Amino acid sequence: MKGLHKFLKVFIFVQLGACTGDVLRQYLHYVNHQEMYITWSAPWYTGIQLTVAFTAFTVALTTLAYFLVGRMLRRREASTSPKGACD
C-alpha cells in the first residue's frame, strides 16, 4: 500500500507536467503557424481547453485515490500499533 501511495503522489505531478508540456507545445505551434489556424472554425485554444479539462479530471480522480489509500494506511497503522504505546 505504501508503494501505491507513493506512486499516486508521483503520478499526480507527472500528469501536471505532461499537461504543462502539451499546452506549451500547442501554444508555440500556434505562435509559429498562425496562418494554419485562420481557416479553422474552432478557436486555436480549443485543444488546450480539452487538455486542461481532461488533466483536471484525471488529477482529481488520482488525488481522491491518493487520499483514500492514505486513509487506509493510517487505519492499518493504528490497528497494528500496540495499545497504550507512546510515540
Protein backbone atom coordinates (compact mmCIF):
# COMPACT_ATOMS: atom_id res chain seq x y z
CA MET A 1 0.00 0.00 0.00
CA LYS A 2 2.84 2.42 0.73
CA GLY A 3 4.21 1.79 -2.75
CA LEU A 4 0.82 2.60 -4.28
CA HIS A 5 0.59 5.73 -2.16
CA LYS A 6 4.00 6.95 -3.38
CA PHE A 7 3.14 6.03 -6.97
CA LEU A 8 -0.09 8.04 -6.87
CA LYS A 9 1.76 11.06 -5.47
CA VAL A 10 4.33 10.91 -8.27
CA PHE A 11 1.66 10.23 -10.89
CA ILE A 12 -0.20 13.44 -9.96
CA PHE A 13 2.89 15.52 -10.68
CA VAL A 14 3.63 13.56 -13.87
CA GLN A 15 0.14 14.35 -15.13
CA LEU A 16 0.56 18.04 -14.33
CA GLY A 17 3.96 18.14 -16.02
CA ALA A 18 2.66 16.38 -19.12
CA CYS A 19 -0.27 18.79 -19.31
CA THR A 20 2.03 21.80 -18.97
CA GLY A 21 4.30 20.47 -21.70
CA ASP A 22 1.43 19.75 -24.05
CA VAL A 23 -0.15 23.17 -23.51
CA LEU A 24 3.21 24.84 -24.13
CA ARG A 25 3.68 22.77 -27.30
CA GLN A 26 0.24 23.73 -28.61
CA TYR A 27 0.78 27.40 -27.83
CA LEU A 28 4.17 27.50 -29.52
CA HIS A 29 2.71 25.76 -32.57
CA TYR A 30 0.04 28.45 -32.75
CA VAL A 31 2.61 31.23 -32.39
CA ASN A 32 4.80 29.79 -35.15
CA HIS A 33 1.98 28.78 -37.56
CA GLN A 34 -0.86 31.26 -37.09
CA GLU A 35 -1.81 31.07 -40.76
CA MET A 36 -2.91 27.44 -40.30
CA TYR A 37 -5.48 28.38 -37.68
CA ILE A 38 -7.23 31.09 -39.71
CA THR A 39 -9.36 28.58 -41.62
CA TRP A 40 -10.44 26.57 -38.57
CA SER A 41 -13.97 27.03 -37.30
CA ALA A 42 -12.95 26.49 -33.65
CA PRO A 43 -10.61 28.85 -31.80
CA TRP A 44 -6.95 27.87 -31.68
CA TYR A 45 -7.08 27.27 -27.93
CA THR A 46 -9.82 24.63 -28.04
CA GLY A 47 -7.24 21.82 -27.86
CA ILE A 48 -5.67 23.46 -24.83
CA GLN A 49 -9.04 23.67 -23.09
CA LEU A 50 -9.69 19.98 -23.73
CA THR A 51 -6.22 19.03 -22.48
CA VAL A 52 -6.65 21.03 -19.29
CA ALA A 53 -10.16 19.66 -18.67
CA PHE A 54 -9.01 16.06 -19.14
CA THR A 55 -5.99 16.62 -16.90
CA ALA A 56 -8.11 18.26 -14.21
CA PHE A 57 -10.45 15.27 -14.24
CA THR A 58 -7.66 12.69 -14.04
CA VAL A 59 -5.78 14.65 -11.35
CA ALA A 60 -8.99 14.88 -9.31
CA LEU A 61 -9.51 11.11 -9.54
CA THR A 62 -5.87 10.39 -8.74
CA THR A 63 -5.95 12.79 -5.78
CA LEU A 64 -9.08 11.09 -4.46
CA ALA A 65 -7.38 7.70 -4.75
CA TYR A 66 -4.26 9.14 -3.05
CA PHE A 67 -6.25 10.33 -0.04
CA LEU A 68 -8.26 7.10 0.19
CA VAL A 69 -5.10 4.99 0.16
CA GLY A 70 -3.54 7.30 2.76
CA ARG A 71 -6.57 6.92 4.96
CA MET A 72 -6.41 3.14 4.65
CA LEU A 73 -2.71 3.23 5.57
CA ARG A 74 -3.36 5.34 8.68
CA ARG A 75 -6.13 3.00 9.80
CA ARG A 76 -3.95 -0.04 9.23
CA GLU A 77 -1.07 1.50 11.20
CA ALA A 78 -3.40 2.48 14.03
CA SER A 79 -4.81 -1.03 14.29
CA THR A 80 -1.37 -2.72 14.31
CA SER A 81 0.28 -0.39 16.81
CA PRO A 82 0.41 -1.71 20.39
CA LYS A 83 -2.23 -0.35 22.72
CA GLY A 84 -1.02 2.25 25.18
CA ALA A 85 2.29 2.79 23.40
CA CYS A 86 3.56 6.35 23.39
CA ASP A 87 5.19 7.70 20.25
